Amino acid sequence: MKRSGLLLFLLLSLQGAMAAGSLVLDPIAEHVAVTHLSADEKIAWELNEVLKPLADGSGSVVHPWVKAGMVRLQGSSPSRDAIRHLLEVAANVPGVREVRSEMSIRPI
């Protein structure tokens, strides 16, 4: 009973994130329904997977938003080079058609 309640909670959490137009990564929920995501949700998932380690390593804060394969990166970074690198990596994620930056430069 406890396990089914947890699974229902995780699925409802994932559904709420999808309805809000963003995918919030939850380490437990990431194993629940990866195969049932829309194309944009899969892109958002992959963007979070590849951008988070880069952002953490460079002192950047990045939030990707995806709609119809078009990506907006919002956040801040300590340098133009770090932003450029994040944009290049995002552009190479399968399914991404266009990447727009709404990143600002904010020194650490």
Protein backbone atom coordinates (compact mmCIF):
# COMPACT_ATOMS: atom_id res chain seq x y z
CA MET A 1 0.00 0.00 0.00
CA LYS A 2 2.78 2.40 0.92
CA ARG A 3 4.60 1.74 -2.38
CA SER A 4 1.52 2.39 -4.54
CA GLY A 5 0.91 5.66 -2.68
CA LEU A 6 4.50 6.74 -3.37
CA LEU A 7 4.19 5.80 -7.04
CA LEU A 8 0.95 7.78 -7.34
CA PHE A 9 2.61 10.76 -5.64
CA LEU A 10 5.57 10.56 -8.06
CA LEU A 11 3.33 10.32 -11.11
CA LEU A 12 1.22 13.26 -9.93
CA SER A 13 4.39 15.26 -9.30
CA LEU A 14 5.69 14.50 -12.80
CA GLN A 15 2.29 15.33 -14.31
CA GLY A 16 2.21 18.68 -12.48
CA ALA A 17 5.66 19.58 -13.78
CA MET A 18 4.62 18.71 -17.31
CA ALA A 19 1.44 20.79 -17.02
CA ALA A 20 3.46 23.76 -15.86
CA GLY A 21 5.45 23.63 -19.10
CA SER A 22 8.71 22.58 -17.51
CA LEU A 23 10.21 19.34 -16.40
CA VAL A 24 11.59 19.36 -12.91
CA LEU A 25 14.07 16.59 -12.35
CA ASP A 26 13.38 14.42 -9.34
CA PRO A 27 16.00 11.70 -8.85
CA ILE A 28 13.32 9.20 -7.84
CA ALA A 29 10.77 10.14 -10.50
CA GLU A 30 13.31 10.07 -13.31
CA HIS A 31 12.97 6.29 -13.39
CA VAL A 32 9.17 6.34 -13.51
CA ALA A 33 8.00 7.48 -16.93
CA VAL A 34 10.89 8.54 -19.15
CA THR A 35 9.45 6.63 -22.11
CA HIS A 36 6.08 8.40 -21.83
CA LEU A 37 7.40 11.92 -22.35
CA SER A 38 6.52 14.14 -25.30
CA ALA A 39 9.26 15.21 -27.73
CA ASP A 40 9.71 18.56 -25.94
CA GLU A 41 9.83 16.86 -22.55
CA LYS A 42 12.50 14.47 -23.83
CA ILE A 43 14.53 17.44 -25.10
CA ALA A 44 14.12 19.19 -21.73
CA TRP A 45 15.19 16.01 -19.96
CA GLU A 46 18.32 15.68 -22.10
CA LEU A 47 19.13 19.39 -21.77
CA ASN A 48 19.02 19.11 -17.99
CA GLU A 49 21.24 16.02 -18.14
CA VAL A 50 23.96 17.68 -20.25
CA LEU A 51 23.73 21.29 -19.04
CA LYS A 52 23.61 20.77 -15.28
CA PRO A 53 27.18 19.42 -14.94
CA LEU A 54 28.50 22.18 -17.23
CA ALA A 55 26.61 24.88 -15.33
CA ASP A 56 27.75 23.55 -11.96
CA GLY A 57 31.36 23.44 -13.15
CA SER A 58 31.35 26.98 -14.54
CA GLY A 59 29.35 28.68 -11.78
CA SER A 60 26.41 29.22 -14.14
CA VAL A 61 22.73 28.93 -13.36
CA VAL A 62 20.72 27.75 -16.36
CA HIS A 63 17.04 26.92 -16.83
CA PRO A 64 16.09 25.48 -20.22
CA TRP A 65 12.57 25.93 -21.61
CA VAL A 66 11.43 23.97 -24.66
CA LYS A 67 8.50 24.48 -27.00
CA ALA A 68 8.22 22.79 -30.41
CA GLY A 69 11.93 22.02 -30.41
CA MET A 70 12.86 25.65 -29.78
CA VAL A 71 14.97 26.13 -26.66
CA ARG A 72 15.32 29.21 -24.44
CA LEU A 73 18.12 29.18 -21.93
CA GLN A 74 17.46 31.50 -19.00
CA GLY A 75 19.83 32.22 -16.15
CA SER A 76 23.23 33.70 -15.52
CA SER A 77 26.85 32.86 -16.09
CA PRO A 78 30.19 34.41 -15.13
CA SER A 79 31.36 34.86 -18.75
CA ARG A 80 30.36 35.08 -22.39
CA ASP A 81 32.50 32.03 -23.15
CA ALA A 82 30.58 29.94 -20.61
CA ILE A 83 27.27 31.09 -22.13
CA ARG A 84 28.53 30.33 -25.65
CA HIS A 85 29.54 26.84 -24.55
CA LEU A 86 26.13 26.17 -22.94
CA LEU A 87 24.40 27.33 -26.15
CA GLU A 88 26.58 25.10 -28.34
CA VAL A 89 25.95 22.06 -26.17
CA ALA A 90 22.19 22.75 -26.13
CA ALA A 91 22.13 23.12 -29.93
CA ASN A 92 23.61 19.62 -30.28
CA VAL A 93 20.88 17.88 -28.27
CA PRO A 94 18.80 15.69 -30.60
CA GLY A 95 15.48 17.32 -31.54
CA VAL A 96 16.58 20.90 -30.84
CA ARG A 97 15.71 23.14 -33.79
CA GLU A 98 16.80 26.50 -32.41
CA VAL A 99 18.43 27.87 -29.26
CA ARG A 100 17.88 31.37 -27.90
CA SER A 101 19.78 32.88 -25.03
CA GLU A 102 18.17 34.84 -22.25
CA MET A 103 21.31 34.42 -20.16
CA SER A 104 22.96 37.32 -18.39
CA ILE A 105 26.57 37.74 -17.42
CA ARG A 106 27.02 37.90 -13.68
CA PRO A 107 30.53 37.53 -12.27
CA ILE A 108 30.93 35.09 -9.43
